[in-house]
Amino acid sequence: MTTQNQTEPSPRQDNPQAAARPAANARRRSLAVLGLAAALAAAGWGAYYYTVARFHEDTDDAYVNGNLVQITPQVTGTVIAVNADDTQIVKAGEPLVSLDAADARVALANAEAVLGQTVRQVSALYVNNGVLAATIAQREADLARARDDLRRRTEVSESGAVAAEDVAHARDAVKTAAAALETARQQLAANRALTDQASVSSHPSVQAAAARVRDAYLANARNSLPAPVAGYVARRSVQVGQRVAPGNPLMAIVPLDGVWIDANFKEVQLKNIRIGQPVALHADLYGSGVTYHGKVVGFSAGTGSAFSALPAQNATGNWIKVVQRLPVRIALDAAELRAHPLQIGLSMQVDVDTRNAGGSHLAPAADGAGTGYRTVYKTDVFERYGAEADGEIARIVARNSGSNGNSGGSGPGAQATQAARPAKPGAGV
């Protein structure tokens, strides 16, 4: 007896469509979920774009920029000292380079001596006014006496007591005394023409000599080159013993407390950027953990290619359109800059919030109403040279015109220099 095993057919083998239906349903569910996710993502992105993204313009083509204050001599000389080197910080007014001042000191001493001599000569003119006034009084007395003599001789000449020759001599004496009086009066007028409406210090001759002293003093003082601003030394090229001339760059000072950001936006990004809009920035140096806050303060007057040494000539040859970039200046918060200093040339990530579109593309002109502003850079480290020169001139004038304490100060030059006092002692003249 033979037994035969028979396998019953399954429902899936009998109906292939029923077997494929669960897989199709799974694919449809996956596609539906994927479509729903894509729709939600698109809706989320759309909401984000219309509420946030469309109000922001960003670029990574941004770099730190700042002032490079060149240190250049104003006089010719030989360097005898260099007091700072690259990477070192200096204060405003601190001497950086010293030049040999031997020749300048000799010229200054000569100018001071000439000024002292001129003051004495001019002071003598004022003294001569009194001398000539006394001479006039003497000549008037001589003339009065000669007239009296002539009158007495004339009265007795008719009686024969006085010879006619004596009368003639008396008459000549009157003429001589009158001429002498007139000469003295003219001499006083000439001397007063040299002294009227001027004191010793304001006399033209003294002013000319004082100008030469001031010039020599400034030339001597300029043998020391101070730092115009506080900052870090860079690009030092000067060496001890080097012969330098006016205008030669010796080093540069970089004030890192006043740096800014130049962000180079594409021209298609500039439509909504305005002056005054807030900016968030990140430096590659510190990473995303440090955020700087600034604001847009201005746009460059031209693109980088327009200001390049060899600007593009698009009117010649084959032309290929290149999207241009325009530098936008961004000012940084001073407190954040002090907390995290930035060096010139570092890369930055810039994000401008363009929600406030009330500003302008171009900065308004500065006026008295305060509707515009203009950055002003200045230094006062050189002003003391002029003050010291004026003080030295006043001291020389006072010493040589008899107006100092040792000579009583009652002469005509006493009022010349009472308001001026030397800023520092100079050479005795």
Protein backbone atom coordinates (compact mmCIF):
# COMPACT_ATOMS: atom_id res chain seq x y z
CA MET A 1 0.00 0.00 0.00
CA THR A 2 1.55 3.28 -1.17
CA THR A 3 1.03 6.56 0.71
CA GLN A 4 1.28 9.88 -1.32
CA ASN A 5 1.87 13.15 0.47
CA GLN A 6 -0.09 16.03 -1.05
CA THR A 7 0.40 19.72 -0.16
CA GLU A 8 -2.65 21.87 -0.16
CA PRO A 9 -2.23 25.20 -2.08
CA SER A 10 -2.12 28.39 0.09
CA PRO A 11 -4.53 31.27 -0.49
CA ARG A 12 -1.64 33.61 -1.58
CA GLN A 13 -0.56 31.10 -4.25
CA ASP A 14 -4.07 30.85 -5.45
CA ASN A 15 -4.53 34.75 -5.48
CA PRO A 16 -1.32 36.75 -6.27
CA GLN A 17 -3.21 40.09 -6.15
CA ALA A 18 -4.28 39.44 -2.58
CA ALA A 19 -0.65 38.74 -1.70
CA ALA A 20 0.60 42.03 -3.25
CA ARG A 21 -2.08 44.21 -1.68
CA PRO A 22 -0.43 44.61 1.81
CA ALA A 23 2.88 45.73 0.23
CA ALA A 24 1.11 48.30 -1.93
CA ASN A 25 -0.78 49.58 1.06
CA ALA A 26 2.49 49.92 2.97
CA ARG A 27 4.07 51.87 0.13
CA ARG A 28 1.08 54.16 -0.10
CA ARG A 29 1.22 54.80 3.62
CA SER A 30 4.95 55.56 3.35
CA LEU A 31 4.39 57.94 0.45
CA ALA A 32 1.55 59.61 2.31
CA VAL A 33 3.69 60.05 5.40
CA LEU A 34 6.56 61.34 3.25
CA GLY A 35 4.26 63.74 1.44
CA LEU A 36 2.76 64.94 4.69
CA ALA A 37 6.26 65.47 6.12
CA ALA A 38 7.31 67.36 2.99
CA ALA A 39 4.18 69.50 3.17
CA LEU A 40 4.76 70.23 6.84
CA ALA A 41 8.42 71.05 6.12
CA ALA A 42 7.45 73.32 3.25
CA ALA A 43 4.83 75.01 5.40
CA GLY A 44 7.31 75.38 8.21
CA TRP A 45 9.95 76.80 5.88
CA GLY A 46 7.40 79.12 4.32
CA ALA A 47 6.32 80.34 7.72
CA TYR A 48 9.94 80.76 8.78
CA TYR A 49 10.80 82.60 5.57
CA TYR A 50 7.86 85.02 5.75
CA THR A 51 8.34 85.70 9.45
CA VAL A 52 12.14 85.54 9.87
CA ALA A 53 14.36 84.59 6.93
CA ARG A 54 13.19 87.23 4.47
CA PHE A 55 14.19 89.91 6.97
CA HIS A 56 17.82 88.78 7.12
CA GLU A 57 20.77 89.15 4.75
CA ASP A 58 24.00 87.36 5.60
CA THR A 59 27.46 86.93 4.18
CA ASP A 60 30.77 85.43 5.14
CA ASP A 61 32.67 87.79 2.84
CA ALA A 62 33.36 90.20 5.69
CA TYR A 63 36.59 91.27 7.34
CA VAL A 64 37.81 93.47 10.19
CA ASN A 65 39.18 96.82 9.07
CA GLY A 66 40.67 99.78 10.91
CA ASN A 67 42.98 102.78 10.78
CA LEU A 68 46.71 102.43 10.17
CA VAL A 69 48.26 105.64 11.51
CA GLN A 70 51.58 106.14 9.75
CA ILE A 71 54.51 107.53 11.75
CA THR A 72 56.56 109.78 9.46
CA PRO A 73 59.23 112.38 10.34
CA GLN A 74 58.70 116.08 9.72
CA VAL A 75 62.42 116.90 9.59
CA THR A 76 65.52 115.25 8.18
CA GLY A 77 67.76 113.48 10.67
CA THR A 78 69.58 110.37 11.83
CA VAL A 79 67.71 107.90 14.05
CA ILE A 80 69.37 107.52 17.44
CA ALA A 81 66.62 105.59 19.26
CA VAL A 82 63.60 103.41 18.48
CA ASN A 83 61.40 103.02 21.55
CA ALA A 84 58.78 100.51 20.36
CA ASP A 85 58.53 97.37 18.24
CA ASP A 86 55.86 95.40 16.42
CA THR A 87 53.00 93.97 18.53
CA GLN A 88 53.73 96.39 21.42
CA ILE A 89 51.12 98.83 22.68
CA VAL A 90 51.91 102.54 23.03
CA LYS A 91 50.07 105.49 24.55
CA ALA A 92 49.22 108.74 22.79
CA GLY A 93 52.13 111.18 23.09
CA GLU A 94 54.68 108.52 23.99
CA PRO A 95 57.97 109.06 22.07
CA LEU A 96 58.50 106.35 19.47
CA VAL A 97 61.56 107.48 17.48
CA SER A 98 64.29 109.98 18.37
CA LEU A 99 66.48 111.78 15.83
CA ASP A 100 69.86 113.42 16.38
CA ALA A 101 69.01 117.01 17.40
CA ALA A 102 72.53 118.51 17.63
CA ASP A 103 72.18 120.78 14.59
CA ALA A 104 68.65 121.78 15.58
CA ARG A 105 69.80 122.79 19.07
CA VAL A 106 72.54 125.00 17.59
CA ALA A 107 70.02 126.68 15.28
CA LEU A 108 67.65 127.20 18.20
CA ALA A 109 70.35 128.76 20.37
CA ASN A 110 71.31 131.14 17.55
CA ALA A 111 67.68 132.16 17.00
CA GLU A 112 67.19 132.76 20.72
CA ALA A 113 70.31 134.94 20.83
CA VAL A 114 69.07 137.00 17.89
CA LEU A 115 65.71 137.44 19.60
CA GLY A 116 67.37 138.62 22.82
CA GLN A 117 69.50 141.12 20.91
CA THR A 118 66.46 142.39 18.99
CA VAL A 119 64.47 142.85 22.21
CA ARG A 120 67.29 144.91 23.70
CA GLN A 121 67.50 147.07 20.58
CA VAL A 122 63.76 147.64 20.51
CA SER A 123 63.75 148.38 24.25
CA ALA A 124 66.38 151.05 23.54
CA LEU A 125 63.93 152.69 21.12
CA TYR A 126 61.40 153.10 23.91
CA VAL A 127 64.10 154.51 26.20
CA ASN A 128 65.11 156.96 23.45
CA ASN A 129 61.63 158.45 23.54
CA GLY A 130 62.38 159.78 27.00
CA VAL A 131 65.90 160.85 26.03
CA LEU A 132 64.65 162.78 23.01
CA ALA A 133 61.84 164.37 25.04
CA ALA A 134 64.47 165.62 27.52
CA THR A 135 66.59 166.87 24.60
CA ILE A 136 63.62 168.86 23.30
CA ALA A 137 63.18 170.46 26.72
CA GLN A 138 66.87 171.36 26.71
CA ARG A 139 66.65 172.80 23.21
CA GLU A 140 63.59 174.85 24.17
CA ALA A 141 65.52 176.31 27.11
CA ASP A 142 68.46 177.11 24.84
CA LEU A 143 66.14 178.84 22.40
CA ALA A 144 64.48 180.87 25.17
CA ARG A 145 67.87 181.98 26.50
CA ALA A 146 69.08 182.95 23.00
CA ARG A 147 65.93 185.00 22.44
CA ASP A 148 66.40 186.79 25.77
CA ASP A 149 69.99 187.57 24.85
CA LEU A 150 68.88 188.91 21.46
CA ARG A 151 66.15 191.02 23.05
CA ARG A 152 68.50 192.64 25.58
CA ARG A 153 71.14 193.39 22.97
CA THR A 154 68.57 194.82 20.62
CA GLU A 155 67.24 197.17 23.32
CA VAL A 156 70.65 198.70 24.05
CA SER A 157 72.05 198.56 20.52
CA GLU A 158 70.62 202.01 19.67
CA SER A 159 72.59 203.64 22.54
CA GLY A 160 75.80 202.19 21.23
CA ALA A 161 76.43 200.05 24.33
CA VAL A 162 76.41 196.86 22.21
CA ALA A 163 78.08 196.57 18.87
CA ALA A 164 76.04 195.64 15.84
CA GLU A 165 78.21 192.55 15.45
CA ASP A 166 77.11 191.27 18.88
CA VAL A 167 73.48 191.73 17.92
CA ALA A 168 74.08 189.78 14.72
CA HIS A 169 75.73 186.99 16.70
CA ALA A 170 72.77 186.89 19.10
CA ARG A 171 70.36 186.71 16.18
CA ASP A 172 72.35 183.78 14.71
CA ALA A 173 72.29 182.08 18.10
CA VAL A 174 68.49 182.25 18.10
CA LYS A 175 68.35 180.68 14.65
CA THR A 176 70.76 177.93 15.70
CA ALA A 177 68.77 177.16 18.87
CA ALA A 178 65.50 177.06 16.88
CA ALA A 179 67.04 174.68 14.33
CA ALA A 180 68.37 172.46 17.10
CA LEU A 181 64.92 172.38 18.69
CA GLU A 182 63.29 171.42 15.41
CA THR A 183 65.89 168.69 14.88
CA ALA A 184 65.15 167.22 18.31
CA ARG A 185 61.41 167.32 17.65
CA GLN A 186 61.86 165.47 14.31
CA GLN A 187 64.09 162.90 15.97
CA LEU A 188 61.41 162.25 18.61
CA ALA A 189 58.74 161.95 15.91
CA ALA A 190 60.89 159.47 13.99
CA ASN A 191 61.55 157.42 17.11
CA ARG A 192 57.89 157.44 18.07
CA ALA A 193 57.03 156.18 14.58
CA LEU A 194 59.08 153.10 15.47
CA THR A 195 57.44 152.57 18.84
CA ASP A 196 53.87 153.95 18.79
CA GLN A 197 50.93 151.51 19.01
CA ALA A 198 53.23 148.61 19.86
CA SER A 199 54.81 147.10 22.94
CA VAL A 200 58.20 145.42 22.98
CA SER A 201 56.71 141.97 22.42
CA SER A 202 54.40 143.12 19.60
CA HIS A 203 57.05 145.19 17.81
CA PRO A 204 57.54 143.98 14.20
CA SER A 205 61.28 143.43 14.68
CA VAL A 206 60.65 141.35 17.80
CA GLN A 207 57.86 139.45 16.06
CA ALA A 208 60.15 138.56 13.17
CA ALA A 209 62.88 137.35 15.53
CA ALA A 210 60.27 135.46 17.58
CA ALA A 211 59.01 133.70 14.43
CA ARG A 212 62.56 132.49 13.76
CA VAL A 213 62.78 131.20 17.33
CA ARG A 214 59.43 129.45 16.95
CA ASP A 215 60.55 127.82 13.70
CA ALA A 216 63.85 126.67 15.25
CA TYR A 217 62.05 125.44 18.38
CA LEU A 218 59.59 123.36 16.35
CA ALA A 219 62.39 121.94 14.21
CA ASN A 220 64.20 120.89 17.37
CA ALA A 221 61.07 119.44 19.01
CA ARG A 222 60.21 117.44 15.89
CA ASN A 223 63.34 115.37 16.32
CA SER A 224 61.20 113.35 18.74
CA LEU A 225 58.32 111.51 17.03
CA PRO A 226 55.41 110.85 19.43
CA ALA A 227 52.55 108.41 18.95
CA PRO A 228 49.56 110.41 17.64
CA VAL A 229 47.10 107.88 19.07
CA ALA A 230 47.12 104.93 21.42
CA GLY A 231 47.36 101.53 19.78
CA TYR A 232 49.57 98.67 18.68
CA VAL A 233 52.78 99.06 16.69
CA ALA A 234 52.83 97.44 13.25
CA ARG A 235 55.00 97.56 10.14
CA ARG A 236 58.09 98.85 11.92
CA SER A 237 60.79 99.42 9.31
CA VAL A 238 62.98 102.08 10.95
CA GLN A 239 66.39 101.12 12.29
CA VAL A 240 68.85 102.89 14.59
CA GLY A 241 71.37 104.87 12.54
CA GLN A 242 69.07 105.20 9.56
CA ARG A 243 68.95 108.55 7.78
CA VAL A 244 65.33 109.57 7.33
CA ALA A 245 63.62 112.37 5.45
CA PRO A 246 60.18 113.97 5.84
CA GLY A 247 57.46 111.62 4.67
CA ASN A 248 59.39 108.35 5.05
CA PRO A 249 57.12 105.74 6.71
CA LEU A 250 58.84 104.44 9.84
CA MET A 251 56.08 102.40 11.48
CA ALA A 252 52.30 102.35 11.90
CA ILE A 253 50.01 102.53 14.92
CA VAL A 254 46.79 100.50 14.82
CA PRO A 255 44.13 101.64 17.35
CA LEU A 256 42.24 98.38 17.82
CA ASP A 257 39.55 100.06 19.93
CA GLY A 258 38.17 101.71 16.81
CA VAL A 259 37.99 98.89 14.25
CA TRP A 260 34.94 98.24 12.10
CA ILE A 261 33.66 95.53 9.74
CA ASP A 262 33.59 95.79 5.95
CA ALA A 263 30.93 93.29 4.79
CA ASN A 264 30.93 92.71 1.03
CA PHE A 265 27.31 91.95 0.08
CA LYS A 266 26.24 90.92 -3.39
CA GLU A 267 24.39 93.63 -5.25
CA VAL A 268 21.22 91.51 -5.19
CA GLN A 269 21.34 91.48 -1.37
CA LEU A 270 21.43 95.26 -0.97
CA LYS A 271 17.80 95.97 -1.81
CA ASN A 272 16.56 95.93 1.78
CA ILE A 273 19.74 96.88 3.68
CA ARG A 274 19.59 100.37 5.21
CA ILE A 275 21.78 102.54 7.39
CA GLY A 276 21.03 102.02 11.09
CA GLN A 277 19.84 98.40 10.84
CA PRO A 278 21.09 96.05 13.59
CA VAL A 279 23.70 93.41 12.77
CA ALA A 280 24.73 90.21 14.50
CA LEU A 281 28.31 89.11 13.89
CA HIS A 282 30.52 86.15 14.69
CA ALA A 283 34.30 86.03 14.35
CA ASP A 284 36.06 82.92 13.12
CA LEU A 285 38.61 83.68 15.85
CA TYR A 286 36.11 83.10 18.67
CA GLY A 287 33.53 80.92 16.94
CA SER A 288 29.76 80.95 17.45
CA GLY A 289 30.09 81.27 21.23
CA VAL A 290 30.80 85.01 20.97
CA THR A 291 28.24 87.26 19.29
CA TYR A 292 29.00 90.87 18.41
CA HIS A 293 26.24 93.42 17.96
CA GLY A 294 26.64 96.30 15.58
CA LYS A 295 24.78 98.45 13.11
CA VAL A 296 25.08 99.48 9.50
CA VAL A 297 26.70 102.94 9.28
CA GLY A 298 27.36 103.38 5.59
CA PHE A 299 27.85 102.02 2.09
CA SER A 300 30.93 102.37 -0.06
CA ALA A 301 30.72 104.81 -2.96
CA GLY A 302 31.67 102.06 -5.40
CA THR A 303 32.29 98.35 -5.75
CA GLY A 304 35.65 96.76 -5.21
CA SER A 305 36.22 96.29 -8.93
CA ALA A 306 35.50 99.98 -9.60
CA PHE A 307 38.20 101.06 -7.12
CA SER A 308 40.76 98.43 -8.12
CA ALA A 309 44.10 99.36 -9.62
CA LEU A 310 43.02 97.86 -12.96
CA PRO A 311 39.24 98.29 -13.21
CA ALA A 312 37.34 96.00 -15.55
CA GLN A 313 36.76 97.30 -19.09
CA ASN A 314 33.43 95.68 -19.91
CA ALA A 315 33.07 97.58 -23.18
CA THR A 316 35.86 95.63 -24.86
CA GLY A 317 36.05 92.00 -26.02
CA ASN A 318 33.71 89.26 -24.90
CA TRP A 319 31.69 90.16 -21.82
CA ILE A 320 30.76 87.84 -18.99
CA LYS A 321 28.48 89.13 -16.29
CA VAL A 322 30.02 88.92 -12.81
CA VAL A 323 27.90 89.66 -9.76
CA GLN A 324 29.46 92.64 -8.02
CA ARG A 325 29.88 93.13 -4.29
CA LEU A 326 29.58 96.44 -2.44
CA PRO A 327 31.39 97.03 0.87
CA VAL A 328 29.03 97.88 3.73
CA ARG A 329 30.57 99.39 6.85
CA ILE A 330 29.36 98.04 10.19
CA ALA A 331 30.19 99.65 13.53
CA LEU A 332 30.74 97.39 16.53
CA ASP A 333 29.72 97.77 20.15
CA ALA A 334 32.70 99.24 22.02
CA ALA A 335 32.14 97.19 25.21
CA GLU A 336 31.96 93.91 23.28
CA LEU A 337 35.07 94.90 21.34
CA ARG A 338 36.99 95.53 24.57
CA ALA A 339 35.87 92.17 25.94
CA HIS A 340 36.86 90.30 22.78
CA PRO A 341 39.43 92.30 20.76
CA LEU A 342 39.66 91.90 17.00
CA GLN A 343 42.70 92.37 14.77
CA ILE A 344 42.57 93.88 11.32
CA GLY A 345 41.95 91.35 8.56
CA LEU A 346 40.10 88.69 10.60
CA SER A 347 37.13 86.95 8.96
CA MET A 348 33.59 87.59 10.19
CA GLN A 349 30.13 86.13 9.71
CA VAL A 350 27.57 88.92 9.26
CA ASP A 351 23.77 88.78 9.57
CA VAL A 352 21.80 92.00 8.98
CA ASP A 353 18.26 92.33 10.33
CA THR A 354 16.37 94.24 7.61
CA ARG A 355 12.99 94.58 9.33
CA ASN A 356 13.44 98.31 9.84
CA ALA A 357 13.49 99.69 6.31
CA GLY A 358 13.13 103.34 7.31
CA GLY A 359 16.79 104.24 6.82
CA SER A 360 18.56 105.28 3.64
CA HIS A 361 21.17 103.78 1.35
CA LEU A 362 23.34 106.90 1.46
CA ALA A 363 24.38 108.73 4.61
CA PRO A 364 22.79 112.18 5.01
CA ALA A 365 25.06 115.20 4.96
CA ALA A 366 26.13 116.52 8.34
CA ASP A 367 24.45 119.78 9.31
CA GLY A 368 23.67 121.89 12.33
CA ALA A 369 20.32 120.19 12.86
CA GLY A 370 21.99 116.90 13.73
CA THR A 371 20.43 114.97 10.85
CA GLY A 372 23.79 113.61 9.78
CA TYR A 373 27.14 112.78 11.29
CA ARG A 374 30.76 112.73 10.22
CA THR A 375 33.59 110.81 11.80
CA VAL A 376 36.41 113.08 12.99
CA TYR A 377 39.91 111.85 13.76
CA LYS A 378 42.27 114.22 15.55
CA THR A 379 45.21 114.31 17.95
CA ASP A 380 46.52 117.00 20.29
CA VAL A 381 49.98 115.57 20.99
CA PHE A 382 51.65 118.20 18.78
CA GLU A 383 49.90 121.22 20.29
CA ARG A 384 52.30 121.39 23.23
CA TYR A 385 55.17 122.22 20.87
CA GLY A 386 53.59 125.54 19.96
CA ALA A 387 52.75 126.32 23.59
CA GLU A 388 56.30 125.55 24.70
CA ALA A 389 57.72 127.70 21.91
CA ASP A 390 55.49 130.63 22.90
CA GLY A 391 56.51 130.22 26.53
CA GLU A 392 60.20 130.22 25.63
CA ILE A 393 59.75 133.36 23.51
CA ALA A 394 57.93 135.12 26.36
CA ARG A 395 60.75 134.25 28.76
CA ILE A 396 63.41 135.63 26.42
CA VAL A 397 61.44 138.83 25.83
CA ALA A 398 60.88 139.35 29.56
CA ARG A 399 64.52 138.72 30.39
CA ASN A 400 65.92 141.10 27.79
CA SER A 401 63.38 143.92 28.03
CA GLY A 402 63.96 144.56 31.74
CA SER A 403 60.52 143.29 32.77
CA ASN A 404 61.59 140.42 35.02
CA GLY A 405 61.74 140.59 38.79
CA ASN A 406 65.46 141.36 38.93
CA SER A 407 65.10 144.67 37.10
CA GLY A 408 61.93 145.93 38.71
CA GLY A 409 59.65 145.36 35.71
CA SER A 410 58.82 149.04 35.29
CA GLY A 411 60.29 149.59 31.84
CA PRO A 412 58.33 149.84 28.58
CA GLY A 413 58.67 146.10 28.08
CA ALA A 414 57.10 145.25 31.42
CA GLN A 415 53.64 145.03 29.89
CA ALA A 416 54.84 142.98 26.93
CA THR A 417 54.89 139.48 28.35
CA GLN A 418 52.98 139.38 31.61
CA ALA A 419 50.33 137.03 30.21
CA ALA A 420 52.82 134.54 28.75
CA ARG A 421 54.79 132.08 30.80
CA PRO A 422 57.16 129.36 29.56
CA ALA A 423 55.85 125.80 29.47
CA LYS A 424 59.31 124.50 30.28
CA PRO A 425 62.66 126.18 30.94
CA GLY A 426 64.85 126.89 27.95
CA ALA A 427 68.36 128.06 27.32
CA GLY A 428 69.35 131.27 29.05
CA VAL A 429 69.47 134.16 26.63
